[in-house]
All heavy atoms as atom14 arrays in JSON, in Angstrom:
{
  "sequence": "LVAGQVSDRDALLRAGFDYVVEATPEGMPISLAMDPATARE",
  "atom14_mask": [
    [1, 1, 1, 1, 1, 1, 1, 1, 0, 0, 0, 0, 0, 0],
    [1, 1, 1, 1, 1, 1, 1, 0, 0, 0, 0, 0, 0, 0],
    [1, 1, 1, 1, 1, 0, 0, 0, 0, 0, 0, 0, 0, 0],
    [1, 1, 1, 1, 0, 0, 0, 0, 0, 0, 0, 0, 0, 0],
    [1, 1, 1, 1, 1, 1, 1, 1, 1, 0, 0, 0, 0, 0],
    [1, 1, 1, 1, 1, 1, 1, 0, 0, 0, 0, 0, 0, 0],
    [1, 1, 1, 1, 1, 1, 0, 0, 0, 0, 0, 0, 0, 0],
    [1, 1, 1, 1, 1, 1, 1, 1, 0, 0, 0, 0, 0, 0],
    [1, 1, 1, 1, 1, 1, 1, 1, 1, 1, 1, 0, 0, 0],
    [1, 1, 1, 1, 1, 1, 1, 1, 0, 0, 0, 0, 0, 0],
    [1, 1, 1, 1, 1, 0, 0, 0, 0, 0, 0, 0, 0, 0],
    [1, 1, 1, 1, 1, 1, 1, 1, 0, 0, 0, 0, 0, 0],
    [1, 1, 1, 1, 1, 1, 1, 1, 0, 0, 0, 0, 0, 0],
    [1, 1, 1, 1, 1, 1, 1, 1, 1, 1, 1, 0, 0, 0],
    [1, 1, 1, 1, 1, 0, 0, 0, 0, 0, 0, 0, 0, 0],
    [1, 1, 1, 1, 0, 0, 0, 0, 0, 0, 0, 0, 0, 0],
    [1, 1, 1, 1, 1, 1, 1, 1, 1, 1, 1, 0, 0, 0],
    [1, 1, 1, 1, 1, 1, 1, 1, 0, 0, 0, 0, 0, 0],
    [1, 1, 1, 1, 1, 1, 1, 1, 1, 1, 1, 1, 0, 0],
    [1, 1, 1, 1, 1, 1, 1, 0, 0, 0, 0, 0, 0, 0],
    [1, 1, 1, 1, 1, 1, 1, 0, 0, 0, 0, 0, 0, 0],
    [1, 1, 1, 1, 1, 1, 1, 1, 1, 0, 0, 0, 0, 0],
    [1, 1, 1, 1, 1, 0, 0, 0, 0, 0, 0, 0, 0, 0],
    [1, 1, 1, 1, 1, 1, 1, 0, 0, 0, 0, 0, 0, 0],
    [1, 1, 1, 1, 1, 1, 1, 0, 0, 0, 0, 0, 0, 0],
    [1, 1, 1, 1, 1, 1, 1, 1, 1, 0, 0, 0, 0, 0],
    [1, 1, 1, 1, 0, 0, 0, 0, 0, 0, 0, 0, 0, 0],
    [1, 1, 1, 1, 1, 1, 1, 1, 0, 0, 0, 0, 0, 0],
    [1, 1, 1, 1, 1, 1, 1, 0, 0, 0, 0, 0, 0, 0],
    [1, 1, 1, 1, 1, 1, 1, 1, 0, 0, 0, 0, 0, 0],
    [1, 1, 1, 1, 1, 1, 0, 0, 0, 0, 0, 0, 0, 0],
    [1, 1, 1, 1, 1, 1, 1, 1, 0, 0, 0, 0, 0, 0],
    [1, 1, 1, 1, 1, 0, 0, 0, 0, 0, 0, 0, 0, 0],
    [1, 1, 1, 1, 1, 1, 1, 1, 0, 0, 0, 0, 0, 0],
    [1, 1, 1, 1, 1, 1, 1, 1, 0, 0, 0, 0, 0, 0],
    [1, 1, 1, 1, 1, 1, 1, 0, 0, 0, 0, 0, 0, 0],
    [1, 1, 1, 1, 1, 0, 0, 0, 0, 0, 0, 0, 0, 0],
    [1, 1, 1, 1, 1, 1, 1, 0, 0, 0, 0, 0, 0, 0],
    [1, 1, 1, 1, 1, 0, 0, 0, 0, 0, 0, 0, 0, 0],
    [1, 1, 1, 1, 1, 1, 1, 1, 1, 1, 1, 0, 0, 0],
    [1, 1, 1, 1, 1, 1, 1, 1, 1, 0, 0, 0, 0, 0]
  ],
  "atom14_positions": [
    [[17.31, -7.38, -9.54], [17.58, -6.18, -10.32], [17.54, -4.97, -9.39], [16.53, -4.71, -8.72], [16.54, -6.02, -11.43], [16.5, -4.69, -12.21], [17.83, -4.41, -12.87], [15.39, -4.72, -13.25], [0.0, 0.0, 0.0], [0.0, 0.0, 0.0], [0.0, 0.0, 0.0], [0.0, 0.0, 0.0], [0.0, 0.0, 0.0], [0.0, 0.0, 0.0]],
    [[18.65, -4.24, -9.33], [18.74, -3.03, -8.52], [19.01, -1.86, -9.46], [19.93, -1.92, -10.28], [19.88, -3.13, -7.49], [20.02, -1.82, -6.72], [19.63, -4.28, -6.52], [0.0, 0.0, 0.0], [0.0, 0.0, 0.0], [0.0, 0.0, 0.0], [0.0, 0.0, 0.0], [0.0, 0.0, 0.0], [0.0, 0.0, 0.0], [0.0, 0.0, 0.0]],
    [[18.2, -0.82, -9.36], [18.37, 0.35, -10.23], [18.19, 1.63, -9.43], [17.49, 1.64, -8.41], [17.36, 0.31, -11.38], [0.0, 0.0, 0.0], [0.0, 0.0, 0.0], [0.0, 0.0, 0.0], [0.0, 0.0, 0.0], [0.0, 0.0, 0.0], [0.0, 0.0, 0.0], [0.0, 0.0, 0.0], [0.0, 0.0, 0.0], [0.0, 0.0, 0.0]],
    [[18.83, 2.68, -9.91], [18.64, 3.97, -9.25], [17.19, 4.38, -9.27], [16.65, 4.84, -8.26], [0.0, 0.0, 0.0], [0.0, 0.0, 0.0], [0.0, 0.0, 0.0], [0.0, 0.0, 0.0], [0.0, 0.0, 0.0], [0.0, 0.0, 0.0], [0.0, 0.0, 0.0], [0.0, 0.0, 0.0], [0.0, 0.0, 0.0], [0.0, 0.0, 0.0]],
    [[16.55, 4.21, -10.41], [15.12, 4.45, -10.56], [14.48, 3.25, -11.25], [15.11, 2.6, -12.09], [14.86, 5.71, -11.39], [15.23, 7.01, -10.71], [14.87, 8.21, -11.56], [15.34, 8.34, -12.69], [14.04, 9.09, -11.04], [0.0, 0.0, 0.0], [0.0, 0.0, 0.0], [0.0, 0.0, 0.0], [0.0, 0.0, 0.0], [0.0, 0.0, 0.0]],
    [[13.24, 2.96, -10.9], [12.52, 1.84, -11.49], [11.17, 2.32, -12.01], [10.4, 2.97, -11.28], [12.29, 0.7, -10.47], [11.39, -0.38, -11.06], [13.62, 0.1, -10.03], [0.0, 0.0, 0.0], [0.0, 0.0, 0.0], [0.0, 0.0, 0.0], [0.0, 0.0, 0.0], [0.0, 0.0, 0.0], [0.0, 0.0, 0.0], [0.0, 0.0, 0.0]],
    [[10.9, 2.02, -13.26], [9.57, 2.19, -13.84], [9.12, 0.81, -14.33], [9.94, -0.07, -14.57], [9.59, 3.18, -15.01], [10.15, 4.42, -14.62], [0.0, 0.0, 0.0], [0.0, 0.0, 0.0], [0.0, 0.0, 0.0], [0.0, 0.0, 0.0], [0.0, 0.0, 0.0], [0.0, 0.0, 0.0], [0.0, 0.0, 0.0], [0.0, 0.0, 0.0]],
    [[7.81, 0.63, -14.47], [7.28, -0.63, -15.03], [7.73, -1.84, -14.21], [8.09, -2.89, -14.75], [7.71, -0.8, -16.49], [7.44, 0.43, -17.33], [6.28, 0.86, -17.37], [8.4, 0.97, -17.92], [0.0, 0.0, 0.0], [0.0, 0.0, 0.0], [0.0, 0.0, 0.0], [0.0, 0.0, 0.0], [0.0, 0.0, 0.0], [0.0, 0.0, 0.0]],
    [[7.69, -1.71, -12.89], [8.2, -2.76, -12.01], [7.47, -4.09, -12.23], [8.11, -5.15, -12.27], [8.04, -2.33, -10.54], [8.63, -3.32, -9.53], [8.58, -2.75, -8.12], [9.22, -3.65, -7.18], [8.61, -4.65, -6.58], [7.32, -4.9, -6.85], [9.26, -5.44, -5.75], [0.0, 0.0, 0.0], [0.0, 0.0, 0.0], [0.0, 0.0, 0.0]],
    [[6.15, -4.06, -12.38], [5.39, -5.3, -12.55], [5.82, -6.03, -13.82], [5.94, -7.27, -13.83], [3.89, -5.01, -12.6], [3.34, -4.6, -11.23], [4.03, -4.84, -10.22], [2.22, -4.04, -11.18], [0.0, 0.0, 0.0], [0.0, 0.0, 0.0], [0.0, 0.0, 0.0], [0.0, 0.0, 0.0], [0.0, 0.0, 0.0], [0.0, 0.0, 0.0]],
    [[6.08, -5.27, -14.89], [6.51, -5.9, -16.15], [7.88, -6.54, -15.98], [8.15, -7.62, -16.53], [6.55, -4.86, -17.26], [0.0, 0.0, 0.0], [0.0, 0.0, 0.0], [0.0, 0.0, 0.0], [0.0, 0.0, 0.0], [0.0, 0.0, 0.0], [0.0, 0.0, 0.0], [0.0, 0.0, 0.0], [0.0, 0.0, 0.0], [0.0, 0.0, 0.0]],
    [[8.76, -5.92, -15.21], [10.09, -6.47, -14.97], [10.0, -7.75, -14.16], [10.71, -8.73, -14.42], [10.96, -5.44, -14.25], [11.31, -4.18, -15.07], [11.9, -3.1, -14.17], [12.28, -4.53, -16.2], [0.0, 0.0, 0.0], [0.0, 0.0, 0.0], [0.0, 0.0, 0.0], [0.0, 0.0, 0.0], [0.0, 0.0, 0.0], [0.0, 0.0, 0.0]],
    [[9.11, -7.77, -13.18], [8.91, -9.0, -12.4], [8.32, -10.12, -13.26], [8.74, -11.27, -13.17], [8.01, -8.71, -11.2], [8.64, -7.89, -10.07], [7.57, -7.44, -9.08], [9.73, -8.69, -9.35], [0.0, 0.0, 0.0], [0.0, 0.0, 0.0], [0.0, 0.0, 0.0], [0.0, 0.0, 0.0], [0.0, 0.0, 0.0], [0.0, 0.0, 0.0]],
    [[7.38, -9.76, -14.12], [6.78, -10.77, -15.01], [7.82, -11.33, -15.98], [7.72, -12.48, -16.42], [5.61, -10.17, -15.79], [4.36, -9.95, -14.96], [3.15, -9.71, -15.85], [3.3, -8.53, -16.71], [2.95, -7.3, -16.35], [2.42, -7.08, -15.16], [3.11, -6.29, -17.19], [0.0, 0.0, 0.0], [0.0, 0.0, 0.0], [0.0, 0.0, 0.0]],
    [[8.82, -10.53, -16.3], [9.86, -10.98, -17.23], [10.76, -12.04, -16.59], [11.48, -12.74, -17.31], [10.71, -9.8, -17.68], [0.0, 0.0, 0.0], [0.0, 0.0, 0.0], [0.0, 0.0, 0.0], [0.0, 0.0, 0.0], [0.0, 0.0, 0.0], [0.0, 0.0, 0.0], [0.0, 0.0, 0.0], [0.0, 0.0, 0.0], [0.0, 0.0, 0.0]],
    [[10.72, -12.15, -15.26], [11.48, -13.23, -14.62], [12.42, -12.82, -13.51], [13.03, -13.68, -12.87], [0.0, 0.0, 0.0], [0.0, 0.0, 0.0], [0.0, 0.0, 0.0], [0.0, 0.0, 0.0], [0.0, 0.0, 0.0], [0.0, 0.0, 0.0], [0.0, 0.0, 0.0], [0.0, 0.0, 0.0], [0.0, 0.0, 0.0], [0.0, 0.0, 0.0]],
    [[12.55, -11.52, -13.26], [13.39, -11.11, -12.12], [12.7, -11.5, -10.82], [11.49, -11.34, -10.67], [13.63, -9.6, -12.15], [14.49, -9.13, -13.29], [13.94, -8.5, -14.39], [15.86, -9.33, -13.26], [14.72, -8.07, -15.45], [16.66, -8.91, -14.32], [16.09, -8.28, -15.41], [0.0, 0.0, 0.0], [0.0, 0.0, 0.0], [0.0, 0.0, 0.0]],
    [[13.47, -12.01, -9.88], [12.9, -12.41, -8.59], [12.71, -11.21, -7.67], [11.81, -11.21, -6.82], [13.81, -13.44, -7.92], [13.9, -14.72, -8.73], [12.93, -15.49, -8.73], [14.95, -14.94, -9.38], [0.0, 0.0, 0.0], [0.0, 0.0, 0.0], [0.0, 0.0, 0.0], [0.0, 0.0, 0.0], [0.0, 0.0, 0.0], [0.0, 0.0, 0.0]],
    [[13.57, -10.22, -7.81], [13.48, -8.99, -7.02], [13.75, -7.81, -7.96], [14.64, -7.87, -8.81], [14.52, -8.96, -5.9], [14.43, -10.11, -4.92], [15.1, -11.31, -5.17], [13.69, -9.99, -3.74], [15.02, -12.36, -4.27], [13.61, -11.04, -2.84], [14.27, -12.23, -3.11], [14.19, -13.27, -2.23], [0.0, 0.0, 0.0], [0.0, 0.0, 0.0]],
    [[12.99, -6.75, -7.77], [13.24, -5.49, -8.47], [13.23, -4.4, -7.41], [12.2, -4.12, -6.8], [12.19, -5.2, -9.56], [12.45, -3.84, -10.2], [12.2, -6.3, -10.62], [0.0, 0.0, 0.0], [0.0, 0.0, 0.0], [0.0, 0.0, 0.0], [0.0, 0.0, 0.0], [0.0, 0.0, 0.0], [0.0, 0.0, 0.0], [0.0, 0.0, 0.0]],
    [[14.38, -3.79, -7.16], [14.52, -2.85, -6.05], [15.0, -1.49, -6.56], [15.98, -1.42, -7.31], [15.52, -3.39, -5.0], [15.66, -2.4, -3.85], [15.06, -4.75, -4.49], [0.0, 0.0, 0.0], [0.0, 0.0, 0.0], [0.0, 0.0, 0.0], [0.0, 0.0, 0.0], [0.0, 0.0, 0.0], [0.0, 0.0, 0.0], [0.0, 0.0, 0.0]],
    [[14.32, -0.44, -6.17], [14.75, 0.92, -6.49], [15.67, 1.4, -5.38], [15.3, 1.46, -4.21], [13.54, 1.85, -6.62], [13.89, 3.26, -7.06], [12.66, 4.07, -7.4], [11.98, 4.53, -6.46], [12.37, 4.25, -8.6], [0.0, 0.0, 0.0], [0.0, 0.0, 0.0], [0.0, 0.0, 0.0], [0.0, 0.0, 0.0], [0.0, 0.0, 0.0]],
    [[16.89, 1.77, -5.76], [17.9, 2.13, -4.77], [17.69, 3.54, -4.21], [18.0, 3.79, -3.04], [19.29, 2.03, -5.38], [0.0, 0.0, 0.0], [0.0, 0.0, 0.0], [0.0, 0.0, 0.0], [0.0, 0.0, 0.0], [0.0, 0.0, 0.0], [0.0, 0.0, 0.0], [0.0, 0.0, 0.0], [0.0, 0.0, 0.0], [0.0, 0.0, 0.0]],
    [[17.18, 4.45, -5.02], [17.02, 5.84, -4.58], [15.83, 5.97, -3.63], [14.71, 5.62, -4.01], [16.83, 6.78, -5.78], [17.93, 6.63, -6.67], [16.74, 8.22, -5.33], [0.0, 0.0, 0.0], [0.0, 0.0, 0.0], [0.0, 0.0, 0.0], [0.0, 0.0, 0.0], [0.0, 0.0, 0.0], [0.0, 0.0, 0.0], [0.0, 0.0, 0.0]],
    [[16.03, 6.47, -2.42], [14.9, 6.63, -1.49], [13.85, 7.59, -2.06], [14.17, 8.54, -2.77], [15.57, 7.23, -0.24], [17.01, 6.85, -0.34], [17.32, 6.84, -1.81], [0.0, 0.0, 0.0], [0.0, 0.0, 0.0], [0.0, 0.0, 0.0], [0.0, 0.0, 0.0], [0.0, 0.0, 0.0], [0.0, 0.0, 0.0], [0.0, 0.0, 0.0]],
    [[12.59, 7.33, -1.73], [11.5, 8.17, -2.21], [11.71, 9.61, -1.75], [12.02, 9.88, -0.59], [10.17, 7.65, -1.68], [8.96, 8.37, -2.24], [7.65, 7.76, -1.78], [7.69, 6.71, -1.11], [6.59, 8.34, -2.1], [0.0, 0.0, 0.0], [0.0, 0.0, 0.0], [0.0, 0.0, 0.0], [0.0, 0.0, 0.0], [0.0, 0.0, 0.0]],
    [[11.56, 10.53, -2.7], [11.68, 11.94, -2.37], [13.08, 12.51, -2.49], [13.26, 13.73, -2.4], [0.0, 0.0, 0.0], [0.0, 0.0, 0.0], [0.0, 0.0, 0.0], [0.0, 0.0, 0.0], [0.0, 0.0, 0.0], [0.0, 0.0, 0.0], [0.0, 0.0, 0.0], [0.0, 0.0, 0.0], [0.0, 0.0, 0.0], [0.0, 0.0, 0.0]],
    [[14.09, 11.66, -2.68], [15.45, 12.17, -2.82], [15.62, 12.86, -4.17], [15.3, 12.28, -5.21], [16.48, 11.05, -2.69], [17.92, 11.52, -2.89], [19.16, 10.2, -2.64], [19.2, 10.09, -0.85], [0.0, 0.0, 0.0], [0.0, 0.0, 0.0], [0.0, 0.0, 0.0], [0.0, 0.0, 0.0], [0.0, 0.0, 0.0], [0.0, 0.0, 0.0]],
    [[16.12, 14.1, -4.2], [16.32, 14.8, -5.48], [17.29, 14.03, -6.37], [18.26, 13.44, -5.88], [16.92, 16.15, -5.05], [16.53, 16.31, -3.62], [16.49, 14.94, -3.04], [0.0, 0.0, 0.0], [0.0, 0.0, 0.0], [0.0, 0.0, 0.0], [0.0, 0.0, 0.0], [0.0, 0.0, 0.0], [0.0, 0.0, 0.0], [0.0, 0.0, 0.0]],
    [[17.04, 14.06, -7.67], [17.9, 13.36, -8.62], [19.33, 13.86, -8.54], [20.3, 13.08, -8.64], [17.36, 13.53, -10.06], [16.01, 12.83, -10.21], [18.35, 12.95, -11.07], [16.04, 11.33, -9.97], [0.0, 0.0, 0.0], [0.0, 0.0, 0.0], [0.0, 0.0, 0.0], [0.0, 0.0, 0.0], [0.0, 0.0, 0.0], [0.0, 0.0, 0.0]],
    [[19.49, 15.18, -8.36], [20.84, 15.75, -8.28], [21.63, 15.13, -7.13], [22.83, 14.88, -7.25], [20.76, 17.26, -8.11], [20.01, 17.6, -6.95], [0.0, 0.0, 0.0], [0.0, 0.0, 0.0], [0.0, 0.0, 0.0], [0.0, 0.0, 0.0], [0.0, 0.0, 0.0], [0.0, 0.0, 0.0], [0.0, 0.0, 0.0], [0.0, 0.0, 0.0]],
    [[20.96, 14.85, -6.01], [21.63, 14.22, -4.88], [21.86, 12.74, -5.15], [22.93, 12.19, -4.84], [20.81, 14.41, -3.61], [21.35, 13.76, -2.33], [22.76, 14.26, -2.02], [20.41, 14.02, -1.15], [0.0, 0.0, 0.0], [0.0, 0.0, 0.0], [0.0, 0.0, 0.0], [0.0, 0.0, 0.0], [0.0, 0.0, 0.0], [0.0, 0.0, 0.0]],
    [[20.86, 12.08, -5.74], [20.99, 10.65, -6.03], [22.12, 10.38, -7.01], [22.72, 9.29, -6.99], [19.67, 10.11, -6.59], [0.0, 0.0, 0.0], [0.0, 0.0, 0.0], [0.0, 0.0, 0.0], [0.0, 0.0, 0.0], [0.0, 0.0, 0.0], [0.0, 0.0, 0.0], [0.0, 0.0, 0.0], [0.0, 0.0, 0.0], [0.0, 0.0, 0.0]],
    [[22.42, 11.35, -7.89], [23.48, 11.18, -8.88], [24.87, 11.46, -8.31], [25.87, 11.23, -8.99], [23.22, 12.12, -10.07], [22.03, 11.73, -10.93], [22.35, 10.28, -11.95], [23.43, 11.01, -13.18], [0.0, 0.0, 0.0], [0.0, 0.0, 0.0], [0.0, 0.0, 0.0], [0.0, 0.0, 0.0], [0.0, 0.0, 0.0], [0.0, 0.0, 0.0]],
    [[24.94, 11.97, -7.09], [26.24, 12.15, -6.45], [26.86, 10.77, -6.22], [26.22, 9.89, -5.64], [26.05, 12.86, -5.11], [27.35, 12.93, -4.32], [28.25, 13.67, -4.71], [27.44, 12.19, -3.31], [0.0, 0.0, 0.0], [0.0, 0.0, 0.0], [0.0, 0.0, 0.0], [0.0, 0.0, 0.0], [0.0, 0.0, 0.0], [0.0, 0.0, 0.0]],
    [[28.09, 10.53, -6.67], [28.68, 9.19, -6.56], [28.67, 8.6, -5.16], [28.35, 7.41, -4.98], [30.11, 9.39, -7.09], [29.99, 10.54, -8.04], [28.97, 11.45, -7.43], [0.0, 0.0, 0.0], [0.0, 0.0, 0.0], [0.0, 0.0, 0.0], [0.0, 0.0, 0.0], [0.0, 0.0, 0.0], [0.0, 0.0, 0.0], [0.0, 0.0, 0.0]],
    [[29.01, 9.39, -4.15], [29.04, 8.87, -2.78], [27.64, 8.47, -2.33], [27.46, 7.42, -1.68], [29.63, 9.92, -1.83], [0.0, 0.0, 0.0], [0.0, 0.0, 0.0], [0.0, 0.0, 0.0], [0.0, 0.0, 0.0], [0.0, 0.0, 0.0], [0.0, 0.0, 0.0], [0.0, 0.0, 0.0], [0.0, 0.0, 0.0], [0.0, 0.0, 0.0]],
    [[26.64, 9.29, -2.68], [25.26, 8.97, -2.32], [24.79, 7.72, -3.05], [24.12, 6.85, -2.47], [24.33, 10.15, -2.65], [24.8, 11.32, -1.98], [22.91, 9.87, -2.22], [0.0, 0.0, 0.0], [0.0, 0.0, 0.0], [0.0, 0.0, 0.0], [0.0, 0.0, 0.0], [0.0, 0.0, 0.0], [0.0, 0.0, 0.0], [0.0, 0.0, 0.0]],
    [[25.12, 7.64, -4.33], [24.71, 6.47, -5.12], [25.31, 5.19, -4.55], [24.63, 4.15, -4.48], [25.14, 6.65, -6.58], [0.0, 0.0, 0.0], [0.0, 0.0, 0.0], [0.0, 0.0, 0.0], [0.0, 0.0, 0.0], [0.0, 0.0, 0.0], [0.0, 0.0, 0.0], [0.0, 0.0, 0.0], [0.0, 0.0, 0.0], [0.0, 0.0, 0.0]],
    [[26.57, 5.24, -4.15], [27.19, 4.05, -3.55], [26.44, 3.61, -2.3], [26.18, 2.41, -2.1], [28.65, 4.34, -3.21], [29.59, 4.47, -4.4], [31.03, 4.58, -3.95], [31.94, 4.77, -5.06], [32.36, 5.95, -5.48], [31.95, 7.07, -4.86], [33.18, 6.05, -6.5], [0.0, 0.0, 0.0], [0.0, 0.0, 0.0], [0.0, 0.0, 0.0]],
    [[26.09, 4.56, -1.46], [25.39, 4.24, -0.22], [24.0, 3.69, -0.51], [23.54, 2.74, 0.13], [25.31, 5.47, 0.67], [24.77, 5.2, 2.07], [25.63, 4.25, 2.88], [26.86, 4.15, 2.6], [25.08, 3.59, 3.79], [0.0, 0.0, 0.0], [0.0, 0.0, 0.0], [0.0, 0.0, 0.0], [0.0, 0.0, 0.0], [0.0, 0.0, 0.0]]
  ]
}
């Protein structure tokens, strides 16, 4: 599971996902993360 933002990661893993990865780097502003080119990268 790859998401722009992740909350409740432990619950998602317990549900059966093998990996839960937050795509947005820590500290990146949401406005920048929502830019399509940035999101793709």
